[in-house]
Every structure is written in C-alpha cells, then in structure tokens.
Amino acid sequence: MRFVRGRRASILQSCCTMSESHAIRCYDYVNAPYERVRDALRADALGLLDRATTVATTRAEKVGAGLRVQVGSLEVGTHATITLHDMTEDASAPGIHGPRTRLMIEWQATRAPSLFPVMKAQLSVYPLSAEETQLDFLGDYLPPGSVVGAAVDALVGRRIAEATVHQFVQDVSARLREVVAKK
C-alpha cells in the first residue's frame, strides 16, 4: 500500500471546492478480476464501505462508520457518516487500459464534526491484469476550521488523516477480498 500527500486548492473539482485542503492519495490491490470487484461494489457500495470501516465491537451500536487509526500507542477514532455521492463507470479512462469504476465519497464525524476534518474523495477501481484490481483513493481533507483545529492539524492532524485513509483503503480492500471470495 502506498500513499502520497500534497497541498492543493482543489483536486476533485466535480466533488468539492475547498481552500487550504490537503490532498491524500493511497492505493491497494484486490487479487480478483475487475468485473467481480466492480459487481460487488454495484451490489452494495455504501454498505460495503460502511461495513469495511466499522470497528467490530461497535457494529451493533453504530450510527455511522467507525474510522480509526493508531498513532504511536494511542488509538484515535470517531464515528463518521459516509456519503456516496456518485458511482460511475468509464469504459476507457485516460491513462488506464480498460474500464474504471469511480465512487465519489465524503465522510465527516457524526459527533463533534467541528473537531475533525471533512474528507471528500474519489475511490477508483480498475484492472491491473486479468486477476488483479487496483483501488486508488484520491481525496482532499479540510482540517477543522477553528484555531484549535488548525493547531492540532499542524501538529498531528495530517498524519492522522493519512493514517486514517491508509486504514480505510486497507479495510475496503479486505472487505472486497472477502466478498469476491464468496462468489
């Protein structure tokens, strides 16, 4: 799994317009044909995203998805509401040989949203080979707007956001592996 960070005014113009947002890119793989991964997403994308990110002990009580990350010996987590804005499939995408499915997603903390960043992202799924599919996450996160939020973001917020995205993509990949293995 790899991710790249950067700073841009807006990288997902069809999804969001943010000033002072931070770009995060992360990817992982599913050892299954693209068509099976795509079909699993078509069948229940939001449910899959939600189940992939819900902490096991809170599944029965969840309000949204549980986003969590380990920072040193401290686990930071919050419940988040994940919204799927759009899901499209391109028969042939620029720079990709073959089809691509894109999911425009957003998440925000369910409780105390002013203390946590808002993430708006595109999750792309496309074939790498006949038996391997790539998940590519490209998102913008907007740090909390308060003075305290900006200070926390400068100290640890970016690392937490990157680690959260990394964990999210790993969780989605793992859940997709489980779903396509059952077919």
N, C-alpha and C. Protein backbone atom coordinates (compact mmCIF):
# COMPACT_ATOMS: atom_id res chain seq x y z
N MET A 1 0.84 -1.16 0.00
CA MET A 1 0.00 0.00 0.00
C MET A 1 0.89 1.24 0.00
N ARG A 2 0.52 2.22 -0.77
CA ARG A 2 1.30 3.45 -0.86
C ARG A 2 0.33 4.64 -0.76
N PHE A 3 0.84 5.76 -0.28
CA PHE A 3 0.06 6.97 -0.35
C PHE A 3 0.97 8.16 -0.54
N VAL A 4 0.39 9.21 -1.08
CA VAL A 4 1.13 10.41 -1.40
C VAL A 4 0.35 11.58 -0.82
N ARG A 5 1.04 12.52 -0.24
CA ARG A 5 0.33 13.69 0.27
C ARG A 5 0.81 14.93 -0.45
N GLY A 6 0.00 15.94 -0.42
CA GLY A 6 0.34 17.19 -1.05
C GLY A 6 -0.62 18.27 -0.60
N ARG A 7 -0.49 19.46 -1.12
CA ARG A 7 -1.36 20.57 -0.75
C ARG A 7 -1.83 21.21 -2.04
N ARG A 8 -3.16 21.30 -2.20
CA ARG A 8 -3.73 21.89 -3.41
C ARG A 8 -5.01 22.62 -3.02
N ALA A 9 -5.41 23.54 -3.85
CA ALA A 9 -6.65 24.26 -3.58
C ALA A 9 -7.85 23.35 -3.76
N SER A 10 -7.85 22.53 -4.82
CA SER A 10 -8.93 21.58 -5.03
C SER A 10 -8.50 20.58 -6.08
N ILE A 11 -8.59 19.29 -5.76
CA ILE A 11 -8.18 18.29 -6.73
C ILE A 11 -9.37 17.52 -7.28
N LEU A 12 -10.50 17.62 -6.62
CA LEU A 12 -11.67 16.89 -7.07
C LEU A 12 -12.76 17.90 -7.41
N GLN A 13 -12.59 18.59 -8.49
CA GLN A 13 -13.48 19.69 -8.80
C GLN A 13 -14.92 19.24 -8.99
N SER A 14 -15.15 18.02 -9.45
CA SER A 14 -16.52 17.55 -9.60
C SER A 14 -17.12 17.17 -8.27
N CYS A 15 -16.31 17.03 -7.23
CA CYS A 15 -16.79 16.59 -5.92
C CYS A 15 -16.79 17.73 -4.91
N CYS A 16 -15.79 18.56 -4.95
CA CYS A 16 -15.69 19.54 -3.88
C CYS A 16 -14.88 20.75 -4.32
N THR A 17 -15.06 21.83 -3.58
CA THR A 17 -14.25 23.02 -3.74
C THR A 17 -13.82 23.43 -2.35
N MET A 18 -12.54 23.34 -2.08
CA MET A 18 -12.03 23.64 -0.75
C MET A 18 -10.81 24.53 -0.88
N SER A 19 -10.68 25.45 0.07
CA SER A 19 -9.44 26.18 0.13
C SER A 19 -8.62 25.60 1.27
N GLU A 20 -7.31 25.59 1.11
CA GLU A 20 -6.41 25.07 2.12
C GLU A 20 -6.71 23.62 2.49
N SER A 21 -7.14 22.86 1.53
CA SER A 21 -7.35 21.44 1.77
C SER A 21 -6.03 20.71 1.54
N HIS A 22 -5.97 19.48 1.98
CA HIS A 22 -4.77 18.68 1.84
C HIS A 22 -5.09 17.45 1.00
N ALA A 23 -4.30 17.22 -0.02
CA ALA A 23 -4.52 16.08 -0.89
C ALA A 23 -3.85 14.84 -0.31
N ILE A 24 -4.56 13.71 -0.39
CA ILE A 24 -4.03 12.44 0.07
C ILE A 24 -4.34 11.40 -1.00
N ARG A 25 -3.34 10.62 -1.34
CA ARG A 25 -3.54 9.53 -2.30
C ARG A 25 -3.02 8.24 -1.68
N CYS A 26 -3.79 7.19 -1.86
CA CYS A 26 -3.43 5.89 -1.30
C CYS A 26 -3.99 4.81 -2.21
N TYR A 27 -3.30 3.69 -2.32
CA TYR A 27 -3.84 2.62 -3.14
C TYR A 27 -3.53 1.25 -2.56
N ASP A 28 -4.31 0.28 -2.98
CA ASP A 28 -4.14 -1.10 -2.57
C ASP A 28 -4.67 -1.98 -3.69
N TYR A 29 -4.55 -3.28 -3.51
CA TYR A 29 -4.92 -4.22 -4.56
C TYR A 29 -5.86 -5.29 -4.03
N VAL A 30 -6.68 -5.81 -4.93
CA VAL A 30 -7.52 -6.96 -4.65
C VAL A 30 -7.15 -8.02 -5.69
N ASN A 31 -6.77 -9.19 -5.24
CA ASN A 31 -6.40 -10.27 -6.15
C ASN A 31 -7.65 -10.96 -6.66
N ALA A 32 -8.35 -10.27 -7.53
CA ALA A 32 -9.57 -10.77 -8.15
C ALA A 32 -9.80 -9.98 -9.43
N PRO A 33 -10.50 -10.57 -10.38
CA PRO A 33 -10.78 -9.83 -11.63
C PRO A 33 -11.61 -8.57 -11.36
N TYR A 34 -11.34 -7.55 -12.14
CA TYR A 34 -12.03 -6.27 -12.03
C TYR A 34 -13.55 -6.45 -12.03
N GLU A 35 -14.06 -7.28 -12.92
CA GLU A 35 -15.51 -7.45 -13.06
C GLU A 35 -16.15 -7.92 -11.75
N ARG A 36 -15.48 -8.80 -11.04
CA ARG A 36 -16.03 -9.30 -9.76
C ARG A 36 -15.99 -8.21 -8.70
N VAL A 37 -14.93 -7.42 -8.67
CA VAL A 37 -14.82 -6.31 -7.71
C VAL A 37 -15.87 -5.25 -8.04
N ARG A 38 -15.98 -4.90 -9.31
CA ARG A 38 -16.98 -3.92 -9.75
C ARG A 38 -18.38 -4.38 -9.39
N ASP A 39 -18.70 -5.66 -9.64
CA ASP A 39 -20.03 -6.19 -9.35
C ASP A 39 -20.33 -6.15 -7.85
N ALA A 40 -19.33 -6.40 -7.02
CA ALA A 40 -19.52 -6.31 -5.57
C ALA A 40 -19.84 -4.88 -5.16
N LEU A 41 -19.18 -3.92 -5.79
CA LEU A 41 -19.48 -2.51 -5.49
C LEU A 41 -20.86 -2.12 -6.00
N ARG A 42 -21.20 -2.56 -7.19
CA ARG A 42 -22.53 -2.25 -7.74
C ARG A 42 -23.64 -2.79 -6.84
N ALA A 43 -23.42 -3.98 -6.28
CA ALA A 43 -24.45 -4.63 -5.48
C ALA A 43 -24.74 -3.85 -4.19
N ASP A 44 -23.71 -3.28 -3.56
CA ASP A 44 -23.93 -2.60 -2.28
C ASP A 44 -22.71 -1.78 -1.89
N ALA A 45 -22.41 -0.74 -2.65
CA ALA A 45 -21.20 0.05 -2.41
C ALA A 45 -21.22 0.70 -1.03
N LEU A 46 -22.28 1.39 -0.69
CA LEU A 46 -22.32 2.10 0.58
C LEU A 46 -22.27 1.12 1.75
N GLY A 47 -23.00 0.03 1.65
CA GLY A 47 -22.96 -0.99 2.70
C GLY A 47 -21.56 -1.57 2.85
N LEU A 48 -20.89 -1.82 1.73
CA LEU A 48 -19.55 -2.36 1.77
C LEU A 48 -18.58 -1.37 2.41
N LEU A 49 -18.67 -0.10 2.04
CA LEU A 49 -17.81 0.92 2.64
C LEU A 49 -18.08 1.04 4.13
N ASP A 50 -19.34 1.02 4.49
CA ASP A 50 -19.72 1.14 5.89
C ASP A 50 -19.22 -0.05 6.69
N ARG A 51 -19.46 -1.25 6.20
CA ARG A 51 -19.02 -2.46 6.91
C ARG A 51 -17.50 -2.56 6.96
N ALA A 52 -16.84 -2.09 5.93
CA ALA A 52 -15.38 -2.17 5.89
C ALA A 52 -14.73 -1.29 6.95
N THR A 53 -15.39 -0.24 7.37
CA THR A 53 -14.77 0.71 8.28
C THR A 53 -15.38 0.68 9.68
N THR A 54 -16.28 -0.21 9.94
CA THR A 54 -16.91 -0.25 11.25
C THR A 54 -16.10 -1.13 12.19
N VAL A 55 -15.73 -0.59 13.30
CA VAL A 55 -14.99 -1.34 14.30
C VAL A 55 -15.89 -2.47 14.79
N ALA A 56 -15.36 -3.68 14.88
CA ALA A 56 -16.16 -4.87 15.18
C ALA A 56 -16.98 -4.73 16.46
N THR A 57 -16.43 -4.15 17.48
CA THR A 57 -17.15 -4.07 18.75
C THR A 57 -18.28 -3.07 18.74
N THR A 58 -18.33 -2.20 17.75
CA THR A 58 -19.40 -1.20 17.71
C THR A 58 -20.40 -1.48 16.59
N ARG A 59 -20.28 -2.60 15.92
CA ARG A 59 -21.16 -2.89 14.78
C ARG A 59 -22.63 -2.81 15.17
N ALA A 60 -22.99 -3.36 16.30
CA ALA A 60 -24.39 -3.40 16.70
C ALA A 60 -24.92 -2.02 17.09
N GLU A 61 -24.03 -1.13 17.50
CA GLU A 61 -24.46 0.17 18.00
C GLU A 61 -24.14 1.31 17.05
N LYS A 62 -23.67 1.02 15.88
CA LYS A 62 -23.13 2.08 15.03
C LYS A 62 -24.18 3.08 14.55
N VAL A 63 -23.76 4.32 14.49
CA VAL A 63 -24.54 5.39 13.89
C VAL A 63 -24.02 5.62 12.48
N GLY A 64 -22.75 5.44 12.31
CA GLY A 64 -22.09 5.59 11.02
C GLY A 64 -20.94 4.61 11.00
N ALA A 65 -19.96 4.90 10.22
CA ALA A 65 -18.80 4.01 10.15
C ALA A 65 -17.79 4.45 11.19
N GLY A 66 -17.04 3.51 11.70
CA GLY A 66 -16.01 3.83 12.67
C GLY A 66 -14.69 4.03 11.96
N LEU A 67 -14.17 5.22 11.99
CA LEU A 67 -12.86 5.49 11.42
C LEU A 67 -11.87 5.46 12.57
N ARG A 68 -10.78 4.72 12.40
CA ARG A 68 -9.83 4.59 13.49
C ARG A 68 -8.43 4.58 12.92
N VAL A 69 -7.51 4.97 13.79
CA VAL A 69 -6.11 4.96 13.39
C VAL A 69 -5.26 4.84 14.65
N GLN A 70 -4.15 4.16 14.53
CA GLN A 70 -3.20 4.01 15.62
C GLN A 70 -2.11 5.05 15.42
N VAL A 71 -1.90 5.92 16.42
CA VAL A 71 -0.83 6.91 16.38
C VAL A 71 0.06 6.62 17.58
N GLY A 72 1.18 5.98 17.31
CA GLY A 72 2.03 5.52 18.41
C GLY A 72 1.26 4.48 19.21
N SER A 73 1.16 4.70 20.52
CA SER A 73 0.42 3.76 21.36
C SER A 73 -1.02 4.20 21.59
N LEU A 74 -1.45 5.28 20.95
CA LEU A 74 -2.79 5.84 21.13
C LEU A 74 -3.66 5.51 19.92
N GLU A 75 -4.87 5.00 20.17
CA GLU A 75 -5.80 4.79 19.07
C GLU A 75 -6.78 5.95 19.06
N VAL A 76 -6.88 6.62 17.91
CA VAL A 76 -7.79 7.74 17.74
C VAL A 76 -8.92 7.27 16.86
N GLY A 77 -10.15 7.54 17.28
CA GLY A 77 -11.27 7.08 16.47
C GLY A 77 -12.50 7.92 16.69
N THR A 78 -13.38 7.88 15.72
CA THR A 78 -14.65 8.56 15.81
C THR A 78 -15.62 7.87 14.87
N HIS A 79 -16.88 8.01 15.17
CA HIS A 79 -17.88 7.53 14.23
C HIS A 79 -18.01 8.59 13.14
N ALA A 80 -18.17 8.14 11.93
CA ALA A 80 -18.29 9.06 10.81
C ALA A 80 -19.46 8.65 9.93
N THR A 81 -20.04 9.64 9.32
CA THR A 81 -21.08 9.38 8.33
C THR A 81 -20.42 9.38 6.97
N ILE A 82 -20.56 8.27 6.26
CA ILE A 82 -20.00 8.17 4.91
C ILE A 82 -21.14 8.37 3.92
N THR A 83 -20.92 9.25 2.97
CA THR A 83 -21.91 9.53 1.94
C THR A 83 -21.32 9.13 0.58
N LEU A 84 -22.09 8.38 -0.17
CA LEU A 84 -21.71 8.03 -1.54
C LEU A 84 -22.47 8.98 -2.46
N HIS A 85 -21.75 9.92 -3.07
CA HIS A 85 -22.39 10.94 -3.91
C HIS A 85 -22.68 10.43 -5.31
N ASP A 86 -21.80 9.59 -5.83
CA ASP A 86 -21.96 9.16 -7.22
C ASP A 86 -21.10 7.92 -7.46
N MET A 87 -21.56 7.06 -8.35
CA MET A 87 -20.77 5.92 -8.78
C MET A 87 -20.93 5.81 -10.29
N THR A 88 -19.81 5.90 -11.00
CA THR A 88 -19.85 5.85 -12.46
C THR A 88 -18.82 4.85 -12.96
N GLU A 89 -19.06 4.39 -14.18
CA GLU A 89 -18.09 3.51 -14.83
C GLU A 89 -17.72 4.10 -16.18
N ASP A 90 -16.40 4.21 -16.41
CA ASP A 90 -15.87 4.67 -17.69
C ASP A 90 -15.40 3.43 -18.44
N ALA A 91 -15.83 3.30 -19.68
CA ALA A 91 -15.40 2.15 -20.48
C ALA A 91 -13.89 2.18 -20.71
N SER A 92 -13.34 3.38 -20.90
CA SER A 92 -11.91 3.54 -21.10
C SER A 92 -11.52 4.88 -20.50
N ALA A 93 -10.70 4.84 -19.48
CA ALA A 93 -10.29 6.06 -18.79
C ALA A 93 -8.90 6.48 -19.25
N PRO A 94 -8.63 7.79 -19.31
CA PRO A 94 -7.30 8.26 -19.70
C PRO A 94 -6.23 7.68 -18.79
N GLY A 95 -5.17 7.14 -19.38
CA GLY A 95 -4.06 6.60 -18.61
C GLY A 95 -4.30 5.21 -18.05
N ILE A 96 -5.51 4.67 -18.26
CA ILE A 96 -5.84 3.34 -17.77
C ILE A 96 -6.28 2.51 -18.96
N HIS A 97 -5.72 1.33 -19.09
CA HIS A 97 -6.07 0.45 -20.20
C HIS A 97 -7.25 -0.42 -19.78
N GLY A 98 -8.43 0.04 -20.10
CA GLY A 98 -9.63 -0.72 -19.73
C GLY A 98 -10.60 0.14 -18.94
N PRO A 99 -11.59 -0.49 -18.37
CA PRO A 99 -12.64 0.25 -17.65
C PRO A 99 -12.18 0.70 -16.26
N ARG A 100 -12.94 1.64 -15.71
CA ARG A 100 -12.69 2.14 -14.36
C ARG A 100 -14.03 2.48 -13.72
N THR A 101 -14.21 2.09 -12.49
CA THR A 101 -15.38 2.48 -11.72
C THR A 101 -14.92 3.52 -10.70
N ARG A 102 -15.66 4.63 -10.63
CA ARG A 102 -15.31 5.71 -9.70
C ARG A 102 -16.44 5.94 -8.72
N LEU A 103 -16.09 6.03 -7.45
CA LEU A 103 -17.05 6.34 -6.40
C LEU A 103 -16.65 7.67 -5.79
N MET A 104 -17.56 8.62 -5.78
CA MET A 104 -17.32 9.92 -5.15
C MET A 104 -17.90 9.81 -3.74
N ILE A 105 -17.01 9.90 -2.75
CA ILE A 105 -17.44 9.70 -1.37
C ILE A 105 -17.05 10.89 -0.50
N GLU A 106 -17.69 10.97 0.64
CA GLU A 106 -17.39 12.00 1.62
C GLU A 106 -17.59 11.40 3.00
N TRP A 107 -16.76 11.79 3.95
CA TRP A 107 -17.05 11.41 5.33
C TRP A 107 -16.79 12.58 6.24
N GLN A 108 -17.55 12.54 7.33
CA GLN A 108 -17.47 13.59 8.32
C GLN A 108 -17.86 12.98 9.66
N ALA A 109 -17.24 13.46 10.72
CA ALA A 109 -17.53 12.93 12.05
C ALA A 109 -19.01 13.10 12.37
N THR A 110 -19.60 12.05 12.94
CA THR A 110 -21.01 12.10 13.31
C THR A 110 -21.21 13.00 14.52
N ARG A 111 -20.33 12.86 15.51
CA ARG A 111 -20.39 13.69 16.72
C ARG A 111 -19.24 14.67 16.70
N ALA A 112 -19.49 15.88 17.11
CA ALA A 112 -18.48 16.95 17.18
C ALA A 112 -17.74 17.11 15.86
N PRO A 113 -18.47 17.29 14.75
CA PRO A 113 -17.80 17.39 13.44
C PRO A 113 -16.83 18.56 13.32
N SER A 114 -17.00 19.59 14.15
CA SER A 114 -16.09 20.73 14.06
C SER A 114 -14.69 20.41 14.59
N LEU A 115 -14.54 19.26 15.28
CA LEU A 115 -13.24 18.87 15.81
C LEU A 115 -12.46 17.96 14.86
N PHE A 116 -13.11 17.48 13.80
CA PHE A 116 -12.48 16.53 12.89
C PHE A 116 -12.51 17.05 11.47
N PRO A 117 -11.54 16.62 10.64
CA PRO A 117 -11.54 17.04 9.24
C PRO A 117 -12.71 16.42 8.47
N VAL A 118 -13.05 17.04 7.36
CA VAL A 118 -14.02 16.51 6.41
C VAL A 118 -13.23 15.97 5.23
N MET A 119 -13.55 14.77 4.78
CA MET A 119 -12.85 14.15 3.66
C MET A 119 -13.80 14.05 2.47
N LYS A 120 -13.36 14.51 1.33
CA LYS A 120 -14.09 14.34 0.07
C LYS A 120 -13.11 13.67 -0.89
N ALA A 121 -13.56 12.56 -1.48
CA ALA A 121 -12.59 11.77 -2.24
C ALA A 121 -13.23 11.03 -3.40
N GLN A 122 -12.35 10.55 -4.25
CA GLN A 122 -12.71 9.66 -5.35
C GLN A 122 -11.99 8.35 -5.11
N LEU A 123 -12.75 7.26 -5.07
CA LEU A 123 -12.18 5.92 -4.97
C LEU A 123 -12.36 5.28 -6.34
N SER A 124 -11.25 5.05 -7.03
CA SER A 124 -11.30 4.44 -8.36
C SER A 124 -10.90 2.98 -8.26
N VAL A 125 -11.56 2.16 -9.05
CA VAL A 125 -11.30 0.74 -9.11
C VAL A 125 -11.08 0.39 -10.58
N TYR A 126 -9.94 -0.25 -10.88
CA TYR A 126 -9.66 -0.59 -12.28
C TYR A 126 -8.75 -1.81 -12.35
N PRO A 127 -8.80 -2.52 -13.49
CA PRO A 127 -7.98 -3.73 -13.62
C PRO A 127 -6.51 -3.40 -13.84
N LEU A 128 -5.66 -4.17 -13.18
CA LEU A 128 -4.23 -4.12 -13.47
C LEU A 128 -3.84 -5.26 -14.37
N SER A 129 -4.52 -6.39 -14.19
CA SER A 129 -4.32 -7.57 -15.01
C SER A 129 -5.63 -8.35 -14.99
N ALA A 130 -5.66 -9.50 -15.61
CA ALA A 130 -6.88 -10.30 -15.64
C ALA A 130 -7.30 -10.77 -14.25
N GLU A 131 -6.36 -10.84 -13.31
CA GLU A 131 -6.65 -11.36 -11.96
C GLU A 131 -6.33 -10.39 -10.84
N GLU A 132 -6.06 -9.12 -11.16
CA GLU A 132 -5.72 -8.16 -10.11
C GLU A 132 -6.38 -6.82 -10.39
N THR A 133 -6.98 -6.25 -9.35
CA THR A 133 -7.70 -4.99 -9.45
C THR A 133 -7.08 -3.99 -8.47
N GLN A 134 -6.93 -2.76 -8.92
CA GLN A 134 -6.37 -1.72 -8.05
C GLN A 134 -7.48 -0.84 -7.52
N LEU A 135 -7.36 -0.48 -6.23
CA LEU A 135 -8.19 0.55 -5.60
C LEU A 135 -7.30 1.75 -5.43
N ASP A 136 -7.74 2.89 -5.93
CA ASP A 136 -6.93 4.11 -5.90
C ASP A 136 -7.76 5.21 -5.25
N PHE A 137 -7.34 5.66 -4.09
CA PHE A 137 -8.05 6.69 -3.33
C PHE A 137 -7.34 8.02 -3.54
N LEU A 138 -8.08 9.04 -3.97
CA LEU A 138 -7.55 10.38 -4.13
C LEU A 138 -8.52 11.32 -3.46
N GLY A 139 -8.08 11.95 -2.38
CA GLY A 139 -9.00 12.78 -1.61
C GLY A 139 -8.41 14.08 -1.16
N ASP A 140 -9.32 14.97 -0.79
CA ASP A 140 -8.99 16.25 -0.17
C ASP A 140 -9.60 16.23 1.21
N TYR A 141 -8.82 16.59 2.20
CA TYR A 141 -9.43 16.75 3.50
C TYR A 141 -9.25 18.19 3.94
N LEU A 142 -10.30 18.70 4.55
CA LEU A 142 -10.32 20.06 5.06
C LEU A 142 -10.20 19.98 6.57
N PRO A 143 -9.11 20.51 7.12
CA PRO A 143 -8.93 20.46 8.57
C PRO A 143 -10.04 21.23 9.28
N PRO A 144 -10.25 20.96 10.55
CA PRO A 144 -11.25 21.71 11.31
C PRO A 144 -10.95 23.21 11.22
N GLY A 145 -12.00 24.02 11.16
CA GLY A 145 -11.85 25.45 10.91
C GLY A 145 -11.45 26.30 12.09
N SER A 146 -11.52 25.76 13.30
CA SER A 146 -11.21 26.58 14.46
C SER A 146 -9.70 26.77 14.60
N VAL A 147 -9.30 27.71 15.45
CA VAL A 147 -7.89 27.94 15.73
C VAL A 147 -7.29 26.68 16.35
N VAL A 148 -8.03 26.05 17.26
CA VAL A 148 -7.56 24.82 17.88
C VAL A 148 -7.43 23.72 16.82
N GLY A 149 -8.41 23.62 15.93
CA GLY A 149 -8.37 22.63 14.86
C GLY A 149 -7.16 22.81 13.97
N ALA A 150 -6.84 24.06 13.63
CA ALA A 150 -5.67 24.34 12.79
C ALA A 150 -4.38 23.97 13.50
N ALA A 151 -4.31 24.24 14.80
CA ALA A 151 -3.10 23.90 15.57
C ALA A 151 -2.93 22.39 15.66
N VAL A 152 -4.03 21.67 15.93
CA VAL A 152 -3.96 20.21 16.01
C VAL A 152 -3.57 19.64 14.66
N ASP A 153 -4.13 20.20 13.58
CA ASP A 153 -3.79 19.73 12.24
C ASP A 153 -2.31 19.93 11.96
N ALA A 154 -1.77 21.06 12.35
CA ALA A 154 -0.35 21.33 12.11
C ALA A 154 0.53 20.36 12.89
N LEU A 155 0.11 19.96 14.09
CA LEU A 155 0.92 19.07 14.91
C LEU A 155 0.79 17.61 14.51
N VAL A 156 -0.43 17.10 14.44
CA VAL A 156 -0.64 15.68 14.17
C VAL A 156 -1.76 15.38 13.19
N GLY A 157 -2.55 16.38 12.85
CA GLY A 157 -3.75 16.16 12.03
C GLY A 157 -3.47 15.53 10.68
N ARG A 158 -2.45 15.99 10.00
CA ARG A 158 -2.14 15.42 8.68
C ARG A 158 -1.74 13.96 8.80
N ARG A 159 -0.92 13.65 9.80
CA ARG A 159 -0.51 12.25 9.98
C ARG A 159 -1.72 11.38 10.32
N ILE A 160 -2.62 11.91 11.13
CA ILE A 160 -3.83 11.15 11.47
C ILE A 160 -4.69 10.95 10.24
N ALA A 161 -4.87 12.01 9.45
CA ALA A 161 -5.69 11.90 8.23
C ALA A 161 -5.07 10.89 7.27
N GLU A 162 -3.76 10.94 7.08
CA GLU A 162 -3.09 9.99 6.18
C GLU A 162 -3.24 8.56 6.69
N ALA A 163 -3.05 8.38 7.99
CA ALA A 163 -3.17 7.03 8.56
C ALA A 163 -4.61 6.53 8.48
N THR A 164 -5.58 7.42 8.66
CA THR A 164 -6.99 7.05 8.56
C THR A 164 -7.33 6.61 7.15
N VAL A 165 -6.86 7.35 6.15
CA VAL A 165 -7.09 6.98 4.76
C VAL A 165 -6.42 5.65 4.46
N HIS A 166 -5.20 5.48 4.91
CA HIS A 166 -4.47 4.23 4.72
C HIS A 166 -5.29 3.05 5.29
N GLN A 167 -5.80 3.21 6.52
CA GLN A 167 -6.58 2.16 7.15
C GLN A 167 -7.90 1.94 6.41
N PHE A 168 -8.53 3.00 5.96
CA PHE A 168 -9.79 2.91 5.22
C PHE A 168 -9.60 2.09 3.95
N VAL A 169 -8.57 2.40 3.18
CA VAL A 169 -8.33 1.68 1.92
C VAL A 169 -7.99 0.22 2.20
N GLN A 170 -7.21 -0.04 3.24
CA GLN A 170 -6.92 -1.43 3.62
C GLN A 170 -8.20 -2.16 4.01
N ASP A 171 -9.06 -1.50 4.78
CA ASP A 171 -10.33 -2.12 5.20
C ASP A 171 -11.24 -2.41 4.01
N VAL A 172 -11.34 -1.46 3.08
CA VAL A 172 -12.17 -1.66 1.89
C VAL A 172 -11.61 -2.82 1.06
N SER A 173 -10.30 -2.85 0.87
CA SER A 173 -9.68 -3.94 0.10
C SER A 173 -9.94 -5.29 0.76
N ALA A 174 -9.78 -5.35 2.07
CA ALA A 174 -10.01 -6.61 2.79
C ALA A 174 -11.46 -7.05 2.67
N ARG A 175 -12.37 -6.11 2.79
CA ARG A 175 -13.80 -6.45 2.68
C ARG A 175 -14.11 -6.93 1.26
N LEU A 176 -13.55 -6.27 0.25
CA LEU A 176 -13.77 -6.70 -1.14
C LEU A 176 -13.21 -8.10 -1.36
N ARG A 177 -12.05 -8.39 -0.79
CA ARG A 177 -11.47 -9.73 -0.92
C ARG A 177 -12.43 -10.78 -0.34
N GLU A 178 -13.01 -10.47 0.82
CA GLU A 178 -13.97 -11.39 1.45
C GLU A 178 -15.19 -11.60 0.57
N VAL A 179 -15.74 -10.51 0.05
CA VAL A 179 -16.97 -10.57 -0.75
C VAL A 179 -16.73 -11.34 -2.05
N VAL A 180 -15.66 -11.04 -2.77
CA VAL A 180 -15.44 -11.72 -4.06
C VAL A 180 -15.01 -13.17 -3.86
N ALA A 181 -14.43 -13.50 -2.73
CA ALA A 181 -14.05 -14.89 -2.46
C ALA A 181 -15.27 -15.77 -2.27
N LYS A 182 -16.38 -15.20 -1.82
CA LYS A 182 -17.61 -15.95 -1.57
C LYS A 182 -18.36 -16.25 -2.86
N LYS A 183 -18.03 -15.54 -3.93
CA LYS A 183 -18.76 -15.71 -5.20
C LYS A 183 -18.23 -16.89 -5.98
